[in-house]
C-alpha atoms as a PDB file:
ATOM      1  CA  MET A   1     211.094-133.796  29.461  1.00  0.00           C
ATOM      2  CA  THR A   2     209.277-131.790  26.821  1.00  0.00           C
ATOM      3  CA  GLU A   3     206.646-129.451  28.220  1.00  0.00           C
ATOM      4  CA  ARG A   4     203.080-130.688  28.197  1.00  0.00           C
ATOM      5  CA  VAL A   5     200.916-129.360  25.407  1.00  0.00           C
ATOM      6  CA  ARG A   6     197.888-127.504  26.692  1.00  0.00           C
ATOM      7  CA  GLY A   7     194.612-128.513  25.120  1.00  0.00           C
ATOM      8  CA  THR A   8     191.884-126.251  23.882  1.00  0.00           C
ATOM      9  CA  GLY A   9     189.089-128.598  24.963  1.00  0.00           C
ATOM     10  CA  ALA A  10     187.635-129.248  28.400  1.00  0.00           C
ATOM     11  CA  GLY A  11     190.170-131.824  29.562  1.00  0.00           C
ATOM     12  CA  PRO A  12     193.943-131.937  29.740  1.00  0.00           C
ATOM     13  CA  VAL A  13     195.968-133.226  26.825  1.00  0.00           C
ATOM     14  CA  VAL A  14     197.662-136.508  27.643  1.00  0.00           C
ATOM     15  CA  ARG A  15     201.369-136.282  26.870  1.00  0.00           C
ATOM     16  CA  LYS A  16     202.824-139.261  24.984  1.00  0.00           C
ATOM     17  CA  VAL A  17     206.058-140.359  26.672  1.00  0.00           C
ATOM     18  CA  ALA A  18     208.759-142.924  25.902  1.00  0.00           C
ATOM     19  CA  ARG A  19     210.878-144.152  28.833  1.00  0.00           C
ATOM     20  CA  VAL A  20     213.913-146.427  28.887  1.00  0.00           C
ATOM     21  CA  VAL A  21     214.726-149.221  31.323  1.00  0.00           C
ATOM     22  CA  LEU A  22     218.445-149.217  30.535  1.00  0.00           C
ATOM     23  CA  LEU A  23     220.431-152.221  31.780  1.00  0.00           C
ATOM     24  CA  ASP A  24     224.208-152.504  31.767  1.00  0.00           C
ATOM     25  CA  PRO A  25     226.177-155.793  31.390  1.00  0.00           C
ATOM     26  CA  ASP A  26     225.785-156.388  35.160  1.00  0.00           C
ATOM     27  CA  ASP A  27     221.967-155.977  34.967  1.00  0.00           C
ATOM     28  CA  ARG A  28     222.070-152.660  36.811  1.00  0.00           C
ATOM     29  CA  VAL A  29     219.399-150.128  35.838  1.00  0.00           C
ATOM     30  CA  LEU A  30     220.174-146.461  35.208  1.00  0.00           C
ATOM     31  CA  LEU A  31     217.979-143.958  37.034  1.00  0.00           C
ATOM     32  CA  LEU A  32     217.918-140.170  37.042  1.00  0.00           C
ATOM     33  CA  HIS A  33     217.625-138.202  40.274  1.00  0.00           C
ATOM     34  CA  GLY A  34     215.109-135.393  40.052  1.00  0.00           C
ATOM     35  CA  HIS A  35     213.588-132.811  42.316  1.00  0.00           C
ATOM     36  CA  GLU A  36     210.891-130.170  42.341  1.00  0.00           C
ATOM     37  CA  PRO A  37     212.547-127.072  40.808  1.00  0.00           C
ATOM     38  CA  ASP A  38     211.494-124.769  43.652  1.00  0.00           C
ATOM     39  CA  ASP A  39     212.024-127.386  46.406  1.00  0.00           C
ATOM     40  CA  PRO A  40     215.281-129.365  45.971  1.00  0.00           C
ATOM     41  CA  GLY A  41     214.404-131.305  49.146  1.00  0.00           C
ATOM     42  CA  LEU A  42     211.494-133.010  47.362  1.00  0.00           C
ATOM     43  CA  THR A  43     213.335-135.712  45.364  1.00  0.00           C
ATOM     44  CA  TRP A  44     212.732-138.957  43.481  1.00  0.00           C
ATOM     45  CA  TRP A  45     214.435-141.376  41.077  1.00  0.00           C
ATOM     46  CA  PHE A  46     213.053-142.254  37.644  1.00  0.00           C
ATOM     47  CA  THR A  47     213.925-143.830  34.311  1.00  0.00           C
ATOM     48  CA  PRO A  48     215.276-141.702  31.456  1.00  0.00           C
ATOM     49  CA  GLY A  49     212.734-140.576  28.907  1.00  0.00           C
ATOM     50  CA  GLY A  50     210.331-137.868  27.911  1.00  0.00           C
ATOM     51  CA  GLY A  51     207.728-136.585  25.553  1.00  0.00           C
ATOM     52  CA  LEU A  52     207.514-137.152  21.832  1.00  0.00           C
ATOM     53  CA  GLU A  53     208.407-134.230  19.578  1.00  0.00           C
ATOM     54  CA  GLY A  54     206.436-133.593  16.384  1.00  0.00           C
ATOM     55  CA  ASP A  55     205.724-136.787  14.458  1.00  0.00           C
ATOM     56  CA  GLU A  56     208.519-138.671  16.238  1.00  0.00           C
ATOM     57  CA  THR A  57     207.901-142.345  17.004  1.00  0.00           C
ATOM     58  CA  ARG A  58     208.128-143.566  20.568  1.00  0.00           C
ATOM     59  CA  GLU A  59     211.215-145.592  19.655  1.00  0.00           C
ATOM     60  CA  LYS A  60     212.991-142.511  18.301  1.00  0.00           C
ATOM     61  CA  ALA A  61     211.895-140.456  21.314  1.00  0.00           C
ATOM     62  CA  ALA A  62     213.251-143.111  23.698  1.00  0.00           C
ATOM     63  CA  LEU A  63     216.673-143.060  22.030  1.00  0.00           C
ATOM     64  CA  ARG A  64     216.761-139.257  21.727  1.00  0.00           C
ATOM     65  CA  GLU A  65     215.761-138.693  25.343  1.00  0.00           C
ATOM     66  CA  LEU A  66     218.277-141.272  26.563  1.00  0.00           C
ATOM     67  CA  ALA A  67     221.069-139.524  24.648  1.00  0.00           C
ATOM     68  CA  GLU A  68     220.018-136.048  25.811  1.00  0.00           C
ATOM     69  CA  GLU A  69     219.602-136.970  29.478  1.00  0.00           C
ATOM     70  CA  THR A  70     222.504-139.406  29.919  1.00  0.00           C
ATOM     71  CA  GLY A  71     224.893-139.064  26.972  1.00  0.00           C
ATOM     72  CA  ILE A  72     224.499-142.788  26.245  1.00  0.00           C
ATOM     73  CA  THR A  73     223.958-143.646  22.583  1.00  0.00           C
ATOM     74  CA  ASP A  74     225.397-147.168  22.286  1.00  0.00           C
ATOM     75  CA  VAL A  75     222.241-149.080  23.139  1.00  0.00           C
ATOM     76  CA  ASP A  76     220.188-151.917  21.761  1.00  0.00           C
ATOM     77  CA  LEU A  77     216.547-150.881  22.093  1.00  0.00           C
ATOM     78  CA  GLY A  78     214.306-153.821  22.885  1.00  0.00           C
ATOM     79  CA  PRO A  79     210.584-154.320  23.296  1.00  0.00           C
ATOM     80  CA  VAL A  80     208.044-152.283  25.218  1.00  0.00           C
ATOM     81  CA  LEU A  81     207.894-153.818  28.690  1.00  0.00           C
ATOM     82  CA  TRP A  82     205.177-151.806  30.380  1.00  0.00           C
ATOM     83  CA  THR A  83     202.659-149.062  29.735  1.00  0.00           C
ATOM     84  CA  ARG A  84     201.201-146.743  32.321  1.00  0.00           C
ATOM     85  CA  HIS A  85     199.087-143.643  32.744  1.00  0.00           C
ATOM     86  CA  CYS A  86     200.300-141.205  35.368  1.00  0.00           C
ATOM     87  CA  SER A  87     199.274-137.785  36.559  1.00  0.00           C
ATOM     88  CA  PHE A  88     201.335-135.660  38.903  1.00  0.00           C
ATOM     89  CA  PRO A  89     202.020-132.077  39.963  1.00  0.00           C
ATOM     90  CA  PHE A  90     205.386-130.696  38.891  1.00  0.00           C
ATOM     91  CA  ASP A  91     206.725-127.156  38.490  1.00  0.00           C
ATOM     92  CA  GLY A  92     203.379-125.568  39.381  1.00  0.00           C
ATOM     93  CA  ARG A  93     201.178-127.545  36.983  1.00  0.00           C
ATOM     94  CA  ARG A  94     199.614-130.974  36.479  1.00  0.00           C
ATOM     95  CA  TRP A  95     201.172-133.415  34.014  1.00  0.00           C
ATOM     96  CA  ASP A  96     199.075-136.232  32.490  1.00  0.00           C
ATOM     97  CA  GLN A  97     201.131-138.844  30.676  1.00  0.00           C
ATOM     98  CA  ASP A  98     200.735-142.033  28.653  1.00  0.00           C
ATOM     99  CA  GLU A  99     204.103-143.745  29.189  1.00  0.00           C
ATOM    100  CA  TRP A 100     205.693-146.666  27.340  1.00  0.00           C
ATOM    101  CA  TYR A 101     208.733-148.282  28.972  1.00  0.00           C
ATOM    102  CA  TYR A 102     211.269-149.781  26.558  1.00  0.00           C
ATOM    103  CA  LEU A 103     213.914-152.290  27.531  1.00  0.00           C
ATOM    104  CA  ALA A 104     217.388-151.261  26.384  1.00  0.00           C
ATOM    105  CA  ARG A 105     220.831-152.733  26.897  1.00  0.00           C
ATOM    106  CA  THR A 106     224.208-151.079  26.771  1.00  0.00           C
ATOM    107  CA  ARG A 107     227.643-152.639  26.722  1.00  0.00           C
ATOM    108  CA  ARG A 108     228.871-149.812  28.967  1.00  0.00           C
ATOM    109  CA  ALA A 109     229.885-150.911  32.435  1.00  0.00           C
ATOM    110  CA  ASP A 110     231.207-147.529  33.538  1.00  0.00           C
ATOM    111  CA  ALA A 111     229.406-144.438  34.719  1.00  0.00           C
ATOM    112  CA  ALA A 112     227.191-142.649  32.259  1.00  0.00           C
ATOM    113  CA  PRO A 113     228.826-139.584  30.721  1.00  0.00           C
ATOM    114  CA  GLY A 114     226.009-137.333  31.887  1.00  0.00           C
ATOM    115  CA  PRO A 115     223.425-135.015  30.370  1.00  0.00           C
ATOM    116  CA  GLN A 116     224.129-133.674  26.897  1.00  0.00           C
ATOM    117  CA  ALA A 117     221.127-131.540  25.924  1.00  0.00           C
ATOM    118  CA  LEU A 118     218.787-130.684  28.775  1.00  0.00           C
ATOM    119  CA  THR A 119     215.814-128.366  28.539  1.00  0.00           C
ATOM    120  CA  GLU A 120     215.665-125.395  30.880  1.00  0.00           C
ATOM    121  CA  LEU A 121     213.203-127.250  33.120  1.00  0.00           C
ATOM    122  CA  GLU A 122     215.410-130.357  33.201  1.00  0.00           C
ATOM    123  CA  THR A 123     218.412-128.190  34.127  1.00  0.00           C
ATOM    124  CA  ARG A 124     216.429-126.839  37.090  1.00  0.00           C
ATOM    125  CA  SER A 125     215.113-130.250  38.202  1.00  0.00           C
ATOM    126  CA  LEU A 126     217.777-132.939  37.572  1.00  0.00           C
ATOM    127  CA  SER A 127     220.530-133.542  40.106  1.00  0.00           C
ATOM    128  CA  GLY A 128     222.332-136.608  38.821  1.00  0.00           C
ATOM    129  CA  LEU A 129     222.075-140.212  37.763  1.00  0.00           C
ATOM    130  CA  ARG A 130     223.358-143.574  38.931  1.00  0.00           C
ATOM    131  CA  TRP A 131     223.290-147.294  38.223  1.00  0.00           C
ATOM    132  CA  TRP A 132     221.241-149.395  40.669  1.00  0.00           C
ATOM    133  CA  THR A 133     221.396-153.134  41.280  1.00  0.00           C
ATOM    134  CA  SER A 134     218.114-154.936  41.786  1.00  0.00           C
ATOM    135  CA  ALA A 135     219.004-155.438  45.460  1.00  0.00           C
ATOM    136  CA  GLU A 136     219.785-151.730  45.943  1.00  0.00           C
ATOM    137  CA  LEU A 137     216.516-150.771  44.317  1.00  0.00           C
ATOM    138  CA  SER A 138     214.577-153.230  46.506  1.00  0.00           C
ATOM    139  CA  ALA A 139     216.198-151.778  49.635  1.00  0.00           C
ATOM    140  CA  ALA A 140     215.769-148.124  48.606  1.00  0.00           C
ATOM    141  CA  ARG A 141     213.857-145.872  50.974  1.00  0.00           C
ATOM    142  CA  GLU A 142     213.745-143.071  48.433  1.00  0.00           C
ATOM    143  CA  THR A 143     210.841-142.457  46.074  1.00  0.00           C
ATOM    144  CA  VAL A 144     211.219-144.253  42.738  1.00  0.00           C
ATOM    145  CA  TYR A 145     208.901-144.074  39.727  1.00  0.00           C
ATOM    146  CA  PRO A 146     207.165-146.160  38.685  1.00  0.00           C
ATOM    147  CA  THR A 147     206.568-147.057  42.318  1.00  0.00           C
ATOM    148  CA  ARG A 148     206.784-150.818  41.640  1.00  0.00           C
ATOM    149  CA  LEU A 149     210.064-150.558  39.706  1.00  0.00           C
ATOM    150  CA  ALA A 150     212.021-152.782  42.123  1.00  0.00           C
ATOM    151  CA  GLU A 151     209.489-155.603  41.757  1.00  0.00           C
ATOM    152  CA  LEU A 152     209.163-155.085  37.995  1.00  0.00           C
ATOM    153  CA  LEU A 153     212.942-155.168  37.539  1.00  0.00           C
ATOM    154  CA  ARG A 154     213.290-158.355  39.587  1.00  0.00           C
ATOM    155  CA  THR A 155     210.614-160.048  37.458  1.00  0.00           C
ATOM    156  CA  LEU A 156     212.280-158.800  34.262  1.00  0.00           C
ATOM    157  CA  LEU A 157     215.669-160.167  35.338  1.00  0.00           C
ATOM    158  CA  ASP A 158     214.192-163.505  36.494  1.00  0.00           C
ATOM    159  CA  GLU A 159     211.768-164.121  33.627  1.00  0.00           C
ATOM    160  CA  GLY A 160     212.883-161.910  30.749  1.00  0.00           C
ATOM    161  CA  PRO A 161     210.672-159.462  28.890  1.00  0.00           C
ATOM    162  CA  PRO A 162     206.932-160.169  28.883  1.00  0.00           C
ATOM    163  CA  PRO A 163     205.462-161.525  25.614  1.00  0.00           C
ATOM    164  CA  ALA A 164     203.345-158.354  25.339  1.00  0.00           C
ATOM    165  CA  PRO A 165     203.543-155.017  27.174  1.00  0.00           C
ATOM    166  CA  VAL A 166     202.100-155.174  30.691  1.00  0.00           C
ATOM    167  CA  ALA A 167     199.663-152.379  31.585  1.00  0.00           C
ATOM    168  CA  LEU A 168     200.667-151.054  35.000  1.00  0.00           C
ATOM    169  CA  ALA A 169     198.102-149.575  37.350  1.00  0.00           C
ATOM    170  CA  PRO A 170     197.679-145.831  36.867  1.00  0.00           C
ATOM    171  CA  GLU A 171     199.655-143.640  39.260  1.00  0.00           C
ATOM    172  CA  ILE A 172     197.913-140.439  40.270  1.00  0.00           C
ATOM    173  CA  VAL A 173     199.908-138.270  42.666  1.00  0.00           C
END
C-alpha cells in the first residue's frame, strides 16, 4: 500500500491501484487480513495489491505488490477481471482509489510464505493472510473487500474470466 499522493488542486488525487485475485490449484483465493492501525479491533479481509510507483505499469505493480505482501512470486498473471472506484477512511485520512483486479494463478498449494517487504503503514495494519474457499468466503461474517467478492469469485469459478473487465459499483465508506 503506497501512500496516497496529495494533489495541489481542489480535489483529491485518485490513487491508481493494481490488485490480485490469486487462486491456488484448489481454486482458493488468498486474502490479507488488515486492521485500522490505531484500532486493531476494526478488521477486514482484502486482496493483495497496492498503488503504482513511478511509471510502473499496473501489471508490474500487481506482481510487485503480491511479492512484497505475500512472498509469492511463482504466478501466472491473467486478465483484468474487474475495475472499481473506492473511497475510504484509513489511518486518519481519506483514500480515493481506481482499482484494477487481475486474475492470477499459482501452483502453490501450501501456505503463503508471508510478507517480504512491507511499508511502515502495512506493518502497522496487516495481521496475516489465508486461503479461502468459495464456500468459506460466502459464509464469512467478517468484512471483505470488495464487498461482493464472494459472489464475484463464484461467478469467476463457474464461468471463467469475463471477456472484458467488469466495472463494479463504486464503494464509498
